[in-house]
């Protein structure tokens, strides 16, 4: 299975692993931001901190425009960006947070596929989120 086919399932799974059905808005928001931070950290090893932060900021911008959130002042550093994101997410319902999180993480994964390709993206997701089967799939693609 290719990453674009399993992308939504992987993103939903990583959020639900940390905030399942019946979770509060705060728990879902923390799950989304936690997954975002893990992927940022993994990406930083490959492209550097500034480039990883820029990619994450762009994914956040795409998410805001897609789900019609107001645009907050741009944050140039990753940590303040995630603090603002967490505060903003906590104002939403758990369902809205999950949708926004899926949209955000999917946007970042799409960026990664375009920039570094499917095999490396799969390995990165496996490493960042411990996605079972991702490494096996990436080997099949090679």
Protein backbone atom coordinates (compact mmCIF):
# COMPACT_ATOMS: atom_id res chain seq x y z
CA UNK A 1 0.00 0.00 0.00
CA UNK A 2 1.35 3.43 -0.93
CA UNK A 3 1.60 6.29 1.55
CA UNK A 4 -1.07 8.35 -0.21
CA UNK A 5 -3.49 5.44 0.24
CA UNK A 6 -2.68 4.94 3.91
CA UNK A 7 -1.98 8.55 4.86
CA UNK A 8 -5.41 9.28 6.33
CA UNK A 9 -5.45 6.04 8.31
CA UNK A 10 -1.96 6.66 9.70
CA UNK A 11 -2.80 10.22 10.71
CA UNK A 12 -6.10 9.19 12.33
CA UNK A 13 -4.38 6.32 14.11
CA UNK A 14 -1.63 8.48 15.60
CA UNK A 15 -4.21 10.90 17.00
CA UNK A 16 -6.51 8.18 18.31
CA UNK A 17 -3.61 6.34 19.99
CA UNK A 18 -3.27 9.29 22.36
CA UNK A 19 -6.86 10.53 22.43
CA UNK A 20 -9.51 7.92 21.74
CA UNK A 21 -13.28 8.16 21.65
CA UNK A 22 -14.69 10.20 24.49
CA UNK A 23 -11.50 12.23 25.00
CA UNK A 24 -11.78 15.84 26.08
CA UNK A 25 -10.90 18.73 23.79
CA UNK A 26 -7.68 19.23 25.74
CA UNK A 27 -6.66 15.58 25.29
CA UNK A 28 -7.33 15.62 21.55
CA UNK A 29 -5.53 18.96 21.15
CA UNK A 30 -2.50 17.62 23.03
CA UNK A 31 -2.51 14.47 20.86
CA UNK A 32 -2.51 16.57 17.67
CA UNK A 33 0.22 18.94 18.85
CA UNK A 34 2.27 16.01 20.19
CA UNK A 35 2.16 14.23 16.82
CA UNK A 36 3.04 17.51 15.09
CA UNK A 37 6.05 17.99 17.40
CA UNK A 38 7.26 14.42 16.90
CA UNK A 39 7.17 14.77 13.12
CA UNK A 40 8.91 18.16 13.35
CA UNK A 41 11.69 16.64 15.45
CA UNK A 42 12.18 13.78 13.01
CA UNK A 43 12.15 16.16 10.04
CA UNK A 44 14.72 18.39 11.75
CA UNK A 45 17.26 15.57 11.55
CA UNK A 46 16.90 15.48 7.77
CA UNK A 47 16.49 19.11 6.69
CA UNK A 48 17.55 21.11 9.73
CA UNK A 49 15.59 23.01 12.34
CA UNK A 50 14.78 26.12 10.30
CA UNK A 51 13.59 24.21 7.26
CA UNK A 52 11.52 21.83 9.39
CA UNK A 53 9.91 24.78 11.18
CA UNK A 54 9.19 26.49 7.86
CA UNK A 55 7.52 23.33 6.49
CA UNK A 56 5.43 23.00 9.64
CA UNK A 57 4.44 26.68 9.47
CA UNK A 58 3.38 26.24 5.85
CA UNK A 59 1.33 23.14 6.71
CA UNK A 60 -0.34 25.12 9.49
CA UNK A 61 -1.08 27.96 7.07
CA UNK A 62 -2.62 25.52 4.55
CA UNK A 63 -4.73 24.02 7.32
CA UNK A 64 -5.99 27.43 8.46
CA UNK A 65 -7.08 28.36 4.96
CA UNK A 66 -8.69 24.97 4.35
CA UNK A 67 -10.82 24.97 7.50
CA UNK A 68 -11.40 28.75 7.59
CA UNK A 69 -9.64 29.51 10.86
CA UNK A 70 -8.60 33.09 11.46
CA UNK A 71 -4.94 33.62 10.73
CA UNK A 72 -2.97 34.43 13.85
CA UNK A 73 0.22 36.42 13.84
CA UNK A 74 2.94 34.39 12.19
CA UNK A 75 5.25 32.61 14.57
CA UNK A 76 8.78 32.18 13.31
CA UNK A 77 9.87 29.70 16.00
CA UNK A 78 8.35 26.25 16.25
CA UNK A 79 7.73 26.15 20.01
CA UNK A 80 5.69 29.40 20.17
CA UNK A 81 3.81 28.19 17.07
CA UNK A 82 2.79 24.98 18.82
CA UNK A 83 1.81 26.80 22.03
CA UNK A 84 -0.48 29.08 19.99
CA UNK A 85 -1.82 26.06 18.09
CA UNK A 86 -2.63 24.20 21.30
CA UNK A 87 -4.48 27.22 22.72
CA UNK A 88 -6.43 27.64 19.50
CA UNK A 89 -7.31 23.95 19.25
CA UNK A 90 -8.58 23.85 22.84
CA UNK A 91 -11.28 26.36 21.86
CA UNK A 92 -12.82 23.83 19.48
CA UNK A 93 -14.88 20.68 20.05
CA UNK A 94 -13.04 17.33 20.09
CA UNK A 95 -14.48 16.49 16.66
CA UNK A 96 -13.31 19.81 15.20
CA UNK A 97 -9.89 19.35 16.76
CA UNK A 98 -9.55 15.85 15.31
CA UNK A 99 -10.50 17.13 11.84
CA UNK A 100 -8.09 20.06 12.10
CA UNK A 101 -5.34 17.75 13.34
CA UNK A 102 -5.89 15.30 10.52
CA UNK A 103 -5.84 18.16 8.03
CA UNK A 104 -2.66 19.63 9.52
CA UNK A 105 -0.73 16.37 9.74
CA UNK A 106 -1.88 15.30 6.27
CA UNK A 107 -0.68 18.60 4.83
CA UNK A 108 2.74 18.09 6.40
CA UNK A 109 2.92 14.49 5.15
CA UNK A 110 2.00 15.67 1.63
CA UNK A 111 4.86 18.21 1.79
CA UNK A 112 7.24 15.47 2.83
CA UNK A 113 6.18 13.15 0.02
CA UNK A 114 6.81 15.91 -2.52
CA UNK A 115 10.17 16.90 -1.02
CA UNK A 116 11.78 13.65 0.04
CA UNK A 117 9.66 10.95 -1.61
CA UNK A 118 7.43 8.17 -0.34
CA UNK A 119 10.06 5.72 0.96
CA UNK A 120 11.81 8.25 3.20
CA UNK A 121 8.48 9.72 4.31
CA UNK A 122 7.31 6.26 5.35
CA UNK A 123 10.51 5.69 7.29
CA UNK A 124 10.15 9.07 8.94
CA UNK A 125 6.54 8.39 9.97
CA UNK A 126 7.58 5.00 11.30
CA UNK A 127 10.35 6.57 13.32
CA UNK A 128 8.36 9.57 14.57
CA UNK A 129 5.02 7.90 15.23
CA UNK A 130 5.95 4.21 15.48
CA UNK A 131 3.56 3.29 12.67
CA UNK A 132 3.44 -0.53 12.41
CA UNK A 133 4.05 -1.74 8.88
CA UNK A 134 5.34 1.56 7.55
CA UNK A 135 8.92 0.31 7.34
CA UNK A 136 7.83 -2.89 5.59
CA UNK A 137 5.84 -0.90 3.04
CA UNK A 138 8.76 1.42 2.37
CA UNK A 139 10.96 -1.60 1.67
CA UNK A 140 8.38 -2.88 -0.82
CA UNK A 141 8.41 0.46 -2.65
CA UNK A 142 12.18 0.35 -3.01
